Amino acid sequence: MAEEKEVRDVKLGGNISLVGFGVLDQSEITVVKKIVSNYVKMMNNEGSYKEMKLTFKRHQKGNQWLHEVMGEAIFKEGKFAATVGHKGTHTNAWDPYSVISDVCEKILAELRHKVKKEQWHDKKLSSERIK
């Protein structure tokens, strides 16, 4: 079994916390930061973004690593969470970037749904007032 590096947290700009990502190489962390930053920009365009926390875990299966990421994002519109990875829930669990992207994509989809639902509800209420 390969030796684990010291697990350390990585902070991005004060409102993004990456927990457990210290097991990755510095070059891999740089790619993770870019992926997460791009998704945070998209999330900020969709809703009132406040903060996000991603927790990274690696599990060794045979001679390869399977990855699991748990994400939690807080917006003015609410709190959204998603988990992707390890327990057979993701076909590309061996690719950490794919797992991270999928977690962020799930959170973004939940946010979009919530915003769209609120807009529909507000539109419905305003049309009922007009009647």
N, C-alpha and C. Protein backbone atom coordinates (compact mmCIF):
# COMPACT_ATOMS: atom_id res chain seq x y z
N MET A 1 0.85 -1.18 0.00
CA MET A 1 0.00 0.00 0.00
C MET A 1 0.90 1.24 0.00
N ALA A 2 0.57 2.21 -0.84
CA ALA A 2 1.36 3.44 -0.91
C ALA A 2 1.19 4.25 0.36
N GLU A 3 2.24 4.96 0.70
CA GLU A 3 2.21 5.77 1.92
C GLU A 3 1.43 7.05 1.67
N GLU A 4 0.54 7.40 2.58
CA GLU A 4 -0.28 8.61 2.47
C GLU A 4 0.54 9.82 2.88
N LYS A 5 0.33 10.93 2.17
CA LYS A 5 0.94 12.19 2.57
C LYS A 5 0.14 12.77 3.72
N GLU A 6 0.73 13.74 4.38
CA GLU A 6 0.03 14.43 5.46
C GLU A 6 -1.20 15.13 4.87
N VAL A 7 -2.34 14.94 5.49
CA VAL A 7 -3.57 15.55 5.00
C VAL A 7 -3.64 16.98 5.54
N ARG A 8 -3.72 17.93 4.63
CA ARG A 8 -3.84 19.33 5.04
C ARG A 8 -4.98 19.97 4.27
N ASP A 9 -5.55 21.00 4.85
CA ASP A 9 -6.63 21.72 4.21
C ASP A 9 -6.07 22.82 3.33
N VAL A 10 -6.81 23.11 2.27
CA VAL A 10 -6.42 24.18 1.36
C VAL A 10 -7.56 25.18 1.34
N LYS A 11 -7.22 26.46 1.49
CA LYS A 11 -8.22 27.53 1.44
C LYS A 11 -8.05 28.30 0.15
N LEU A 12 -9.16 28.63 -0.49
CA LEU A 12 -9.15 29.46 -1.69
C LEU A 12 -9.95 30.72 -1.40
N GLY A 13 -9.30 31.82 -1.32
CA GLY A 13 -9.98 33.10 -1.19
C GLY A 13 -10.84 33.29 0.04
N GLY A 14 -10.72 32.47 1.04
CA GLY A 14 -11.47 32.67 2.27
C GLY A 14 -12.85 32.06 2.31
N ASN A 15 -13.48 31.82 1.15
CA ASN A 15 -14.82 31.26 1.17
C ASN A 15 -14.92 29.91 0.46
N ILE A 16 -13.78 29.33 0.14
CA ILE A 16 -13.74 27.98 -0.43
C ILE A 16 -12.75 27.17 0.40
N SER A 17 -13.23 26.06 0.94
CA SER A 17 -12.39 25.21 1.78
C SER A 17 -12.27 23.83 1.12
N LEU A 18 -11.04 23.39 0.92
CA LEU A 18 -10.77 22.07 0.35
C LEU A 18 -10.13 21.22 1.44
N VAL A 19 -10.89 20.27 1.97
CA VAL A 19 -10.44 19.43 3.08
C VAL A 19 -9.97 18.09 2.54
N GLY A 20 -8.80 17.66 2.97
CA GLY A 20 -8.28 16.36 2.59
C GLY A 20 -7.56 16.33 1.26
N PHE A 21 -7.45 17.46 0.58
CA PHE A 21 -6.80 17.50 -0.73
C PHE A 21 -5.29 17.49 -0.63
N GLY A 22 -4.75 17.56 0.57
CA GLY A 22 -3.31 17.54 0.77
C GLY A 22 -2.64 16.25 0.33
N VAL A 23 -3.40 15.19 0.11
CA VAL A 23 -2.82 13.93 -0.35
C VAL A 23 -2.44 14.01 -1.83
N LEU A 24 -2.92 15.03 -2.53
CA LEU A 24 -2.60 15.20 -3.95
C LEU A 24 -1.29 15.96 -4.10
N ASP A 25 -0.66 15.79 -5.26
CA ASP A 25 0.55 16.56 -5.57
C ASP A 25 0.18 18.02 -5.78
N GLN A 26 1.18 18.91 -5.68
CA GLN A 26 0.93 20.33 -5.86
C GLN A 26 0.37 20.64 -7.24
N SER A 27 0.85 19.95 -8.27
CA SER A 27 0.34 20.18 -9.63
C SER A 27 -1.13 19.76 -9.74
N GLU A 28 -1.50 18.67 -9.04
CA GLU A 28 -2.89 18.23 -9.04
C GLU A 28 -3.78 19.22 -8.29
N ILE A 29 -3.26 19.77 -7.19
CA ILE A 29 -4.02 20.76 -6.41
C ILE A 29 -4.25 22.01 -7.25
N THR A 30 -3.28 22.39 -8.07
CA THR A 30 -3.44 23.55 -8.94
C THR A 30 -4.59 23.34 -9.92
N VAL A 31 -4.69 22.14 -10.50
CA VAL A 31 -5.78 21.83 -11.42
C VAL A 31 -7.12 21.84 -10.67
N VAL A 32 -7.13 21.27 -9.46
CA VAL A 32 -8.35 21.25 -8.64
C VAL A 32 -8.81 22.67 -8.36
N LYS A 33 -7.88 23.56 -8.02
CA LYS A 33 -8.22 24.95 -7.73
C LYS A 33 -8.87 25.61 -8.95
N LYS A 34 -8.35 25.34 -10.14
CA LYS A 34 -8.92 25.92 -11.36
C LYS A 34 -10.32 25.39 -11.62
N ILE A 35 -10.50 24.09 -11.45
CA ILE A 35 -11.83 23.48 -11.66
C ILE A 35 -12.84 24.10 -10.69
N VAL A 36 -12.48 24.13 -9.42
CA VAL A 36 -13.40 24.64 -8.39
C VAL A 36 -13.68 26.12 -8.61
N SER A 37 -12.65 26.89 -8.93
CA SER A 37 -12.84 28.33 -9.17
C SER A 37 -13.80 28.59 -10.33
N ASN A 38 -13.67 27.81 -11.40
CA ASN A 38 -14.58 27.98 -12.53
C ASN A 38 -16.03 27.66 -12.14
N TYR A 39 -16.22 26.61 -11.36
CA TYR A 39 -17.58 26.28 -10.93
C TYR A 39 -18.13 27.33 -9.97
N VAL A 40 -17.29 27.87 -9.10
CA VAL A 40 -17.76 28.91 -8.18
C VAL A 40 -18.20 30.14 -8.96
N LYS A 41 -17.49 30.49 -10.03
CA LYS A 41 -17.90 31.61 -10.88
C LYS A 41 -19.29 31.34 -11.47
N MET A 42 -19.49 30.12 -11.98
CA MET A 42 -20.80 29.76 -12.54
C MET A 42 -21.89 29.82 -11.47
N MET A 43 -21.58 29.30 -10.28
CA MET A 43 -22.55 29.32 -9.18
C MET A 43 -22.89 30.74 -8.78
N ASN A 44 -21.90 31.61 -8.77
CA ASN A 44 -22.12 33.00 -8.41
C ASN A 44 -23.00 33.70 -9.43
N ASN A 45 -22.93 33.29 -10.70
CA ASN A 45 -23.80 33.85 -11.73
C ASN A 45 -25.24 33.38 -11.59
N GLU A 46 -25.43 32.21 -11.01
CA GLU A 46 -26.77 31.63 -10.87
C GLU A 46 -27.48 32.03 -9.58
N GLY A 47 -26.73 32.26 -8.52
CA GLY A 47 -27.33 32.56 -7.23
C GLY A 47 -26.40 33.42 -6.39
N SER A 48 -26.79 33.65 -5.15
CA SER A 48 -26.00 34.48 -4.24
C SER A 48 -25.06 33.59 -3.44
N TYR A 49 -23.90 33.33 -4.01
CA TYR A 49 -22.90 32.44 -3.43
C TYR A 49 -22.31 33.02 -2.15
N LYS A 50 -22.17 32.16 -1.13
CA LYS A 50 -21.54 32.57 0.12
C LYS A 50 -20.26 31.79 0.39
N GLU A 51 -20.36 30.45 0.44
CA GLU A 51 -19.16 29.65 0.71
C GLU A 51 -19.36 28.21 0.25
N MET A 52 -18.22 27.50 0.11
CA MET A 52 -18.27 26.10 -0.31
C MET A 52 -17.18 25.32 0.39
N LYS A 53 -17.50 24.07 0.71
CA LYS A 53 -16.53 23.17 1.32
C LYS A 53 -16.56 21.85 0.55
N LEU A 54 -15.40 21.41 0.10
CA LEU A 54 -15.27 20.11 -0.55
C LEU A 54 -14.36 19.24 0.30
N THR A 55 -14.80 18.02 0.56
CA THR A 55 -14.01 17.07 1.34
C THR A 55 -13.61 15.91 0.43
N PHE A 56 -12.33 15.62 0.40
CA PHE A 56 -11.75 14.64 -0.52
C PHE A 56 -11.27 13.42 0.25
N LYS A 57 -11.63 12.24 -0.23
CA LYS A 57 -11.14 10.99 0.37
C LYS A 57 -10.65 10.08 -0.74
N ARG A 58 -9.59 9.34 -0.42
CA ARG A 58 -9.07 8.33 -1.36
C ARG A 58 -9.18 6.96 -0.71
N HIS A 59 -9.57 5.99 -1.52
CA HIS A 59 -9.69 4.61 -1.06
C HIS A 59 -8.89 3.75 -2.02
N GLN A 60 -8.04 2.90 -1.48
CA GLN A 60 -7.26 2.04 -2.35
C GLN A 60 -8.02 0.75 -2.61
N LYS A 61 -8.15 0.42 -3.89
CA LYS A 61 -8.81 -0.81 -4.31
C LYS A 61 -7.84 -1.51 -5.25
N GLY A 62 -7.24 -2.58 -4.76
CA GLY A 62 -6.21 -3.25 -5.55
C GLY A 62 -5.01 -2.34 -5.68
N ASN A 63 -4.61 -2.09 -6.92
CA ASN A 63 -3.45 -1.22 -7.12
C ASN A 63 -3.83 0.18 -7.61
N GLN A 64 -5.09 0.54 -7.50
CA GLN A 64 -5.50 1.88 -7.90
C GLN A 64 -6.26 2.60 -6.79
N TRP A 65 -6.30 3.91 -6.90
CA TRP A 65 -7.01 4.74 -5.94
C TRP A 65 -8.39 5.09 -6.49
N LEU A 66 -9.40 4.95 -5.65
CA LEU A 66 -10.74 5.43 -5.99
C LEU A 66 -10.98 6.67 -5.14
N HIS A 67 -11.64 7.66 -5.72
CA HIS A 67 -11.81 8.94 -5.06
C HIS A 67 -13.26 9.20 -4.72
N GLU A 68 -13.45 9.92 -3.64
CA GLU A 68 -14.78 10.30 -3.18
C GLU A 68 -14.71 11.77 -2.78
N VAL A 69 -15.68 12.54 -3.23
CA VAL A 69 -15.74 13.96 -2.88
C VAL A 69 -17.13 14.28 -2.36
N MET A 70 -17.15 14.93 -1.21
CA MET A 70 -18.41 15.41 -0.63
C MET A 70 -18.37 16.93 -0.69
N GLY A 71 -19.38 17.50 -1.27
CA GLY A 71 -19.42 18.95 -1.42
C GLY A 71 -20.61 19.56 -0.72
N GLU A 72 -20.40 20.75 -0.22
CA GLU A 72 -21.47 21.49 0.45
C GLU A 72 -21.27 22.96 0.10
N ALA A 73 -22.32 23.58 -0.43
CA ALA A 73 -22.25 24.99 -0.79
C ALA A 73 -23.41 25.73 -0.15
N ILE A 74 -23.11 26.92 0.32
CA ILE A 74 -24.12 27.74 0.97
C ILE A 74 -24.36 28.98 0.11
N PHE A 75 -25.62 29.22 -0.16
CA PHE A 75 -26.06 30.35 -0.94
C PHE A 75 -27.15 31.07 -0.15
N LYS A 76 -27.48 32.26 -0.58
CA LYS A 76 -28.62 32.95 0.00
C LYS A 76 -29.89 32.11 -0.20
N GLU A 77 -29.93 31.40 -1.31
CA GLU A 77 -31.08 30.57 -1.67
C GLU A 77 -31.18 29.29 -0.86
N GLY A 78 -30.14 28.91 -0.17
CA GLY A 78 -30.16 27.69 0.64
C GLY A 78 -28.82 26.98 0.65
N LYS A 79 -28.83 25.81 1.25
CA LYS A 79 -27.62 24.99 1.40
C LYS A 79 -27.79 23.75 0.52
N PHE A 80 -26.79 23.46 -0.29
CA PHE A 80 -26.86 22.33 -1.22
C PHE A 80 -25.66 21.42 -0.98
N ALA A 81 -25.91 20.12 -1.07
CA ALA A 81 -24.84 19.15 -0.83
C ALA A 81 -24.90 18.03 -1.87
N ALA A 82 -23.76 17.44 -2.13
CA ALA A 82 -23.68 16.32 -3.06
C ALA A 82 -22.46 15.48 -2.71
N THR A 83 -22.55 14.19 -3.01
CA THR A 83 -21.42 13.27 -2.82
C THR A 83 -21.28 12.44 -4.08
N VAL A 84 -20.06 12.31 -4.55
CA VAL A 84 -19.80 11.50 -5.74
C VAL A 84 -18.54 10.68 -5.45
N GLY A 85 -18.58 9.43 -5.88
CA GLY A 85 -17.35 8.66 -5.78
C GLY A 85 -17.48 7.24 -5.34
N HIS A 86 -16.52 6.82 -4.65
CA HIS A 86 -16.09 5.52 -4.20
C HIS A 86 -17.07 4.36 -4.28
N LYS A 87 -18.16 4.35 -3.61
CA LYS A 87 -19.00 3.16 -3.42
C LYS A 87 -19.81 2.78 -4.66
N GLY A 88 -19.17 2.75 -5.81
CA GLY A 88 -19.83 2.31 -7.03
C GLY A 88 -20.81 3.31 -7.60
N THR A 89 -20.85 4.51 -7.04
CA THR A 89 -21.80 5.50 -7.51
C THR A 89 -21.26 6.31 -8.67
N HIS A 90 -20.03 6.07 -9.06
CA HIS A 90 -19.42 6.87 -10.11
C HIS A 90 -18.49 6.00 -10.92
N THR A 91 -18.66 6.01 -12.23
CA THR A 91 -17.86 5.13 -13.08
C THR A 91 -16.42 5.59 -13.21
N ASN A 92 -16.16 6.88 -13.02
CA ASN A 92 -14.80 7.40 -13.14
C ASN A 92 -14.21 7.76 -11.78
N ALA A 93 -14.48 6.96 -10.76
CA ALA A 93 -14.01 7.27 -9.41
C ALA A 93 -12.49 7.27 -9.32
N TRP A 94 -11.82 6.69 -10.28
CA TRP A 94 -10.36 6.69 -10.29
C TRP A 94 -9.80 8.04 -10.73
N ASP A 95 -10.63 8.88 -11.37
CA ASP A 95 -10.19 10.19 -11.86
C ASP A 95 -10.67 11.29 -10.91
N PRO A 96 -9.77 11.85 -10.10
CA PRO A 96 -10.21 12.84 -9.10
C PRO A 96 -10.85 14.07 -9.72
N TYR A 97 -10.38 14.50 -10.90
CA TYR A 97 -10.94 15.70 -11.53
C TYR A 97 -12.38 15.49 -11.97
N SER A 98 -12.67 14.32 -12.48
CA SER A 98 -14.03 13.99 -12.90
C SER A 98 -14.98 13.97 -11.70
N VAL A 99 -14.53 13.40 -10.60
CA VAL A 99 -15.35 13.33 -9.39
C VAL A 99 -15.62 14.74 -8.85
N ILE A 100 -14.59 15.58 -8.82
CA ILE A 100 -14.74 16.95 -8.34
C ILE A 100 -15.71 17.72 -9.23
N SER A 101 -15.55 17.59 -10.55
CA SER A 101 -16.44 18.27 -11.49
C SER A 101 -17.88 17.82 -11.31
N ASP A 102 -18.07 16.52 -11.13
CA ASP A 102 -19.44 16.00 -10.98
C ASP A 102 -20.10 16.49 -9.70
N VAL A 103 -19.35 16.60 -8.62
CA VAL A 103 -19.92 17.13 -7.37
C VAL A 103 -20.34 18.58 -7.57
N CYS A 104 -19.46 19.36 -8.17
CA CYS A 104 -19.78 20.78 -8.41
C CYS A 104 -20.97 20.91 -9.37
N GLU A 105 -21.02 20.05 -10.36
CA GLU A 105 -22.13 20.07 -11.33
C GLU A 105 -23.45 19.74 -10.65
N LYS A 106 -23.45 18.78 -9.74
CA LYS A 106 -24.67 18.43 -9.00
C LYS A 106 -25.15 19.60 -8.14
N ILE A 107 -24.22 20.24 -7.46
CA ILE A 107 -24.58 21.39 -6.62
C ILE A 107 -25.13 22.51 -7.49
N LEU A 108 -24.49 22.76 -8.63
CA LEU A 108 -24.95 23.80 -9.56
C LEU A 108 -26.34 23.48 -10.10
N ALA A 109 -26.59 22.22 -10.41
CA ALA A 109 -27.91 21.81 -10.91
C ALA A 109 -28.99 22.02 -9.84
N GLU A 110 -28.68 21.69 -8.60
CA GLU A 110 -29.64 21.91 -7.51
C GLU A 110 -29.93 23.39 -7.34
N LEU A 111 -28.89 24.21 -7.41
CA LEU A 111 -29.06 25.66 -7.28
C LEU A 111 -29.94 26.19 -8.42
N ARG A 112 -29.64 25.78 -9.65
CA ARG A 112 -30.43 26.24 -10.80
C ARG A 112 -31.90 25.84 -10.64
N HIS A 113 -32.12 24.62 -10.18
CA HIS A 113 -33.49 24.15 -9.97
C HIS A 113 -34.20 25.02 -8.93
N LYS A 114 -33.54 25.30 -7.84
CA LYS A 114 -34.13 26.10 -6.76
C LYS A 114 -34.45 27.51 -7.25
N VAL A 115 -33.53 28.12 -7.97
CA VAL A 115 -33.73 29.48 -8.48
C VAL A 115 -34.89 29.50 -9.47
N LYS A 116 -34.92 28.52 -10.37
CA LYS A 116 -35.99 28.45 -11.37
C LYS A 116 -37.35 28.24 -10.70
N LYS A 117 -37.36 27.38 -9.69
CA LYS A 117 -38.59 27.11 -8.95
C LYS A 117 -39.09 28.37 -8.25
N GLU A 118 -38.18 29.12 -7.64
CA GLU A 118 -38.56 30.36 -6.96
C GLU A 118 -39.06 31.40 -7.96
N GLN A 119 -38.42 31.47 -9.12
CA GLN A 119 -38.88 32.41 -10.14
C GLN A 119 -40.28 32.05 -10.62
N TRP A 120 -40.51 30.76 -10.84
CA TRP A 120 -41.82 30.30 -11.27
C TRP A 120 -42.87 30.63 -10.21
N HIS A 121 -42.52 30.38 -8.96
CA HIS A 121 -43.44 30.64 -7.85
C HIS A 121 -43.75 32.14 -7.75
N ASP A 122 -42.72 32.98 -7.87
CA ASP A 122 -42.92 34.43 -7.82
C ASP A 122 -43.78 34.90 -8.99
N LYS A 123 -43.55 34.34 -10.16
CA LYS A 123 -44.34 34.70 -11.34
C LYS A 123 -45.80 34.31 -11.15
N LYS A 124 -46.01 33.12 -10.58
CA LYS A 124 -47.37 32.63 -10.34
C LYS A 124 -48.08 33.54 -9.33
N LEU A 125 -47.38 33.92 -8.26
CA LEU A 125 -47.99 34.80 -7.25
C LEU A 125 -48.33 36.16 -7.83
N SER A 126 -47.45 36.71 -8.65
CA SER A 126 -47.72 38.03 -9.23
C SER A 126 -48.88 37.99 -10.20
N SER A 127 -49.02 36.88 -10.94
CA SER A 127 -50.14 36.77 -11.88
C SER A 127 -51.46 36.58 -11.13
N GLU A 128 -51.42 35.94 -9.97
CA GLU A 128 -52.64 35.77 -9.17
C GLU A 128 -53.07 37.10 -8.56
N ARG A 129 -52.12 37.96 -8.24
CA ARG A 129 -52.46 39.28 -7.69
C ARG A 129 -53.13 40.16 -8.74
N ILE A 130 -52.74 39.99 -10.00
CA ILE A 130 -53.29 40.80 -11.07
C ILE A 130 -54.75 40.45 -11.31
N LYS A 131 -55.12 39.20 -11.14
CA LYS A 131 -56.50 38.75 -11.41
C LYS A 131 -57.49 39.37 -10.52
